[in-house]
Every structure is written in structure tokens, then in C-alpha cells.
Amino acid sequence: MEENIAATKANLIAAQAALDFSKRGFELLDKKRNVLIRNIMEFVEIAKDAQQKIRTTFKEAYEALTVANITLGINEVNEIARSIPQATEFNILNRSVMGVEIPQIKYEKHRIEPSYSFYHTNTALDVALQKFQEVKYLIYELAEIEDSVYKLAQEIKRTQKRTNALKNIQIPRYEVLVKSISEELEEKEREDFFRLKILKRKKLLV
């Protein structure tokens, strides 16, 4: 018998319990994997829309920036760009999806307050600033989505390995063990039954 485990009722109960536990574990992991896959597919669809919006907005922003560079001069635009403060209005929090911590970028959209004088600029620069502001918020959203997709994909990979191990190794192993112990116990019961019958006949003959 596998693993030299004695064919006893106690070992049969233990093997059956381990088999049931493995099957329940497989079912739970399989459900978890399916939920994670659904979530990742939703994020992928959202990411497609966000990427398209970023491409469109970037195009509009660079077109306006090109006009500003031509009409104001690249050096002037560079000087103005240096005066614009860095983005600090966001916080990165976490939320759990089936035990997986994924990011949640919290931010508030603010009205643009130009840090340059209108006297030496034109509307092309204002449009470029507006469009790059929109791009910034879209990048926040896309960064949140892409990091979530990566973390969910890693967890799906780990979950898949565990479900495969249960399905292909652990569950078959305990099924074989339960069957082996059951068959040996049945064989012992038959042998004991025949011994009792023989003993009864001998007693009758005495």
C-alpha cells in the first residue's frame, strides 16, 4: 500500500478527511481564480479606454505645445514649464480583492491656476496646459489600473499553481490512498468472515 500506511479504520478516516479537505480547497481556489480573472478582464477593458483617451489628449496637448513653441519660442516655453509646480495632490491607498492588495489613487481635480503671466503668452499655451492637466489625471487612473492588473495576474499565477497541485497531485494521491486502505480493509473483513464460518463449522462437527 502507498507510503506504507497501515490499513486501519483510523487511517482511512484520516485519509478521507484529507481528501475532502483537498477537494474543498480546490473548489475555493478555483472560485478565487475565476473572480480574479473576471476582475482582471474588467480592468483590461477600462485600461483600453484610458489608453485611447491618453493618446487622444496627448496628441491635442502636443499640437497646442508645438504652436506655443513656434509663436512664443522654445526657450520661453521651457522657462514657463519650469515654473509649474510638480504634482503632489494625490494619495495612494490600497483595497483588497480576494485578499490581493491593489492600489487606489485618490486625488481631487483642481482648476488650473497658471503660474505665468498672460502678458507674454497666448491661448496655445493655455490649451497645452489644460490638455496636459487632463493627461496627468488620466495617467493616475491608468497607473492604478495597470498596477492592479499586474498584481491580480501574479495572484492568478500563484492560485493556478496551487489548484494544479491539488488537482493533479494532492487529490489523486489521497484518492489512491483511500481506495487502497478501503480495499485492504474489505479484504481483511472477508478473511475474518471466512475464518468465523470455518470456526463455526468446526464447532458444529465437534
Protein backbone atom coordinates (compact mmCIF):
# COMPACT_ATOMS: atom_id res chain seq x y z
CA MET A 1 0.00 0.00 0.00
CA GLU A 2 1.17 3.56 -0.78
CA GLU A 3 3.52 5.22 1.74
CA ASN A 4 3.44 2.07 3.96
CA ILE A 5 0.41 3.41 5.80
CA ALA A 6 -1.30 0.74 7.86
CA ALA A 7 -4.76 -0.28 6.69
CA THR A 8 -6.73 0.77 9.75
CA LYS A 9 -10.08 2.48 10.12
CA ALA A 10 -8.37 5.43 11.82
CA ASN A 11 -6.04 5.88 8.83
CA LEU A 12 -8.98 5.53 6.44
CA ILE A 13 -10.88 8.27 8.28
CA ALA A 14 -7.77 10.49 8.27
CA ALA A 15 -7.16 9.90 4.54
CA GLN A 16 -10.83 10.56 3.69
CA ALA A 17 -10.74 13.78 5.75
CA ALA A 18 -7.57 14.90 3.94
CA LEU A 19 -9.20 14.10 0.59
CA ASP A 20 -12.34 16.08 1.46
CA PHE A 21 -10.22 18.99 2.70
CA SER A 22 -8.17 18.98 -0.53
CA LYS A 23 -11.34 18.95 -2.66
CA ARG A 24 -12.84 21.85 -0.71
CA GLY A 25 -9.56 23.72 -1.02
CA PHE A 26 -9.55 23.14 -4.78
CA GLU A 27 -13.13 24.41 -5.11
CA LEU A 28 -12.35 27.57 -3.11
CA LEU A 29 -9.16 28.27 -5.05
CA ASP A 30 -10.97 27.65 -8.33
CA LYS A 31 -13.66 30.17 -7.33
CA LYS A 32 -10.99 32.66 -6.26
CA ARG A 33 -9.18 32.26 -9.58
CA ASN A 34 -12.41 32.85 -11.52
CA VAL A 35 -13.21 36.00 -9.52
CA LEU A 36 -9.66 37.31 -10.08
CA ILE A 37 -9.92 36.60 -13.81
CA ARG A 38 -13.24 38.47 -14.02
CA ASN A 39 -11.70 41.43 -12.20
CA ILE A 40 -8.63 41.48 -14.41
CA MET A 41 -10.76 41.35 -17.57
CA GLU A 42 -12.79 44.32 -16.33
CA PHE A 43 -9.57 46.26 -15.64
CA VAL A 44 -8.22 45.39 -19.10
CA GLU A 45 -11.33 46.85 -20.75
CA ILE A 46 -11.08 50.01 -18.63
CA ALA A 47 -7.36 50.25 -19.47
CA LYS A 48 -8.13 50.17 -23.22
CA ASP A 49 -10.45 53.18 -22.85
CA ALA A 50 -7.94 55.04 -20.66
CA GLN A 51 -5.09 54.41 -23.12
CA GLN A 52 -7.19 55.68 -26.01
CA LYS A 53 -8.12 58.84 -24.07
CA ILE A 54 -4.45 59.42 -23.17
CA ARG A 55 -3.36 59.03 -26.79
CA THR A 56 -6.01 61.48 -27.99
CA THR A 57 -5.36 64.03 -25.24
CA PHE A 58 -1.57 63.76 -25.61
CA LYS A 59 -1.93 64.42 -29.34
CA GLU A 60 -4.01 67.53 -28.69
CA ALA A 61 -1.60 68.69 -25.97
CA TYR A 62 1.47 68.32 -28.18
CA GLU A 63 -0.25 70.06 -31.08
CA ALA A 64 -1.00 73.05 -28.82
CA LEU A 65 2.54 72.91 -27.39
CA THR A 66 4.00 72.94 -30.89
CA VAL A 67 2.03 76.09 -31.72
CA ALA A 68 3.17 77.67 -28.44
CA ASN A 69 6.82 76.80 -29.20
CA ILE A 70 6.53 78.36 -32.64
CA THR A 71 4.74 81.53 -31.55
CA LEU A 72 6.48 82.12 -28.20
CA GLY A 73 9.81 80.40 -28.73
CA ILE A 74 11.08 77.16 -27.18
CA ASN A 75 13.23 78.92 -24.57
CA GLU A 76 10.27 80.98 -23.33
CA VAL A 77 8.04 77.88 -23.10
CA ASN A 78 10.80 75.99 -21.25
CA GLU A 79 11.11 78.79 -18.72
CA ILE A 80 7.35 78.78 -18.15
CA ALA A 81 7.33 74.97 -17.82
CA ARG A 82 9.96 75.17 -15.04
CA SER A 83 7.69 77.48 -13.05
CA ILE A 84 4.83 74.94 -12.99
CA PRO A 85 4.83 73.06 -9.64
CA GLN A 86 5.13 69.27 -9.54
CA ALA A 87 2.02 67.15 -8.96
CA THR A 88 1.52 66.39 -5.26
CA GLU A 89 -2.27 66.31 -4.94
CA PHE A 90 -2.66 62.51 -4.87
CA ASN A 91 -2.54 59.75 -2.24
CA ILE A 92 -2.02 56.04 -2.88
CA LEU A 93 -4.31 53.82 -0.79
CA ASN A 94 -4.97 50.08 -1.01
CA ARG A 95 -8.08 47.96 -1.29
CA SER A 96 -8.45 44.19 -1.21
CA VAL A 97 -9.79 41.97 -3.99
CA MET A 98 -9.93 38.34 -2.83
CA GLY A 99 -7.02 39.01 -0.49
CA VAL A 100 -4.95 40.85 -3.12
CA GLU A 101 -3.95 44.40 -2.18
CA ILE A 102 -4.38 46.64 -5.20
CA PRO A 103 -3.75 50.40 -5.37
CA GLN A 104 -6.35 53.12 -5.27
CA ILE A 105 -5.09 56.57 -6.23
CA LYS A 106 -7.11 59.28 -4.56
CA TYR A 107 -6.93 62.78 -5.97
CA GLU A 108 -9.05 65.88 -6.45
CA LYS A 109 -9.30 67.69 -9.75
CA HIS A 110 -8.40 71.33 -9.31
CA ARG A 111 -8.96 74.30 -11.55
CA ILE A 112 -5.81 75.34 -13.37
CA GLU A 113 -4.08 78.33 -11.86
CA PRO A 114 -1.38 79.41 -14.34
CA SER A 115 1.92 80.31 -12.70
CA TYR A 116 2.93 82.50 -15.62
CA SER A 117 1.95 85.96 -16.81
CA PHE A 118 -0.70 86.21 -19.50
CA TYR A 119 1.09 89.22 -20.91
CA HIS A 120 3.88 87.20 -22.59
CA THR A 121 1.81 84.10 -23.51
CA ASN A 122 -1.05 83.12 -25.81
CA THR A 123 -4.05 80.77 -25.95
CA ALA A 124 -1.99 77.92 -27.46
CA LEU A 125 -0.01 77.69 -24.21
CA ASP A 126 -3.25 77.78 -22.19
CA VAL A 127 -4.67 74.91 -24.27
CA ALA A 128 -1.47 72.90 -23.87
CA LEU A 129 -1.56 73.43 -20.10
CA GLN A 130 -5.21 72.36 -19.95
CA LYS A 131 -4.58 69.23 -22.03
CA PHE A 132 -1.51 68.18 -20.05
CA GLN A 133 -3.53 68.64 -16.88
CA GLU A 134 -6.10 66.22 -18.30
CA VAL A 135 -3.31 63.80 -19.26
CA LYS A 136 -1.99 63.91 -15.69
CA TYR A 137 -5.34 62.75 -14.25
CA LEU A 138 -5.64 60.05 -16.93
CA ILE A 139 -2.16 58.80 -16.06
CA TYR A 140 -3.21 58.50 -12.41
CA GLU A 141 -6.12 56.32 -13.50
CA LEU A 142 -4.05 54.23 -15.89
CA ALA A 143 -1.27 53.71 -13.32
CA GLU A 144 -3.86 52.43 -10.83
CA ILE A 145 -5.34 50.06 -13.42
CA GLU A 146 -2.03 48.72 -14.75
CA ASP A 147 -0.61 48.06 -11.27
CA SER A 148 -3.86 46.33 -10.30
CA VAL A 149 -3.72 44.16 -13.42
CA TYR A 150 -0.10 43.20 -12.65
CA LYS A 151 -0.85 42.26 -9.03
CA LEU A 152 -4.00 40.32 -9.95
CA ALA A 153 -2.12 38.48 -12.71
CA GLN A 154 0.60 37.47 -10.23
CA GLU A 155 -2.02 36.18 -7.80
CA ILE A 156 -3.82 34.28 -10.58
CA LYS A 157 -0.50 32.64 -11.46
CA ARG A 158 0.09 31.60 -7.82
CA THR A 159 -3.51 30.39 -7.44
CA GLN A 160 -3.26 28.41 -10.68
CA LYS A 161 -0.14 26.62 -9.41
CA ARG A 162 -1.91 25.70 -6.17
CA THR A 163 -5.07 24.48 -7.93
CA ASN A 164 -2.95 22.41 -10.33
CA ALA A 165 -1.05 20.87 -7.40
CA LEU A 166 -4.31 19.95 -5.68
CA LYS A 167 -6.00 18.66 -8.83
CA ASN A 168 -3.07 16.73 -10.29
CA ILE A 169 -1.09 15.63 -7.21
CA GLN A 170 -2.79 16.00 -3.85
CA ILE A 171 -6.35 14.87 -4.68
CA PRO A 172 -5.28 11.83 -6.82
CA ARG A 173 -2.80 10.85 -4.09
CA TYR A 174 -5.48 10.78 -1.39
CA GLU A 175 -7.97 9.09 -3.73
CA VAL A 176 -5.48 6.28 -4.29
CA LEU A 177 -4.76 6.09 -0.56
CA VAL A 178 -8.47 5.93 0.39
CA LYS A 179 -9.11 3.29 -2.24
CA SER A 180 -6.08 1.26 -1.18
CA ILE A 181 -6.97 1.30 2.53
CA SER A 182 -10.65 0.58 1.80
CA GLU A 183 -9.80 -2.41 -0.40
CA GLU A 184 -7.39 -3.83 2.18
CA LEU A 185 -9.92 -3.39 4.99
CA GLU A 186 -12.59 -5.08 2.87
CA GLU A 187 -10.20 -7.93 2.17
CA LYS A 188 -9.49 -8.30 5.89
CA GLU A 189 -13.22 -8.30 6.65
CA ARG A 190 -13.79 -11.05 4.08
CA GLU A 191 -10.92 -13.09 5.53
CA ASP A 192 -12.29 -12.63 9.07
CA PHE A 193 -15.76 -13.63 7.85
CA PHE A 194 -14.46 -16.84 6.29
CA ARG A 195 -12.42 -17.64 9.40
CA LEU A 196 -15.55 -17.26 11.56
CA LYS A 197 -17.51 -19.54 9.22
CA ILE A 198 -14.78 -22.18 9.40
CA LEU A 199 -14.65 -21.92 13.20
CA LYS A 200 -18.44 -22.32 13.41
CA ARG A 201 -18.35 -25.42 11.21
CA LYS A 202 -15.60 -26.97 13.33
CA LYS A 203 -17.64 -26.33 16.47
CA LEU A 204 -20.66 -27.97 14.88
CA LEU A 205 -18.58 -31.01 13.95
CA VAL A 206 -17.18 -31.44 17.48
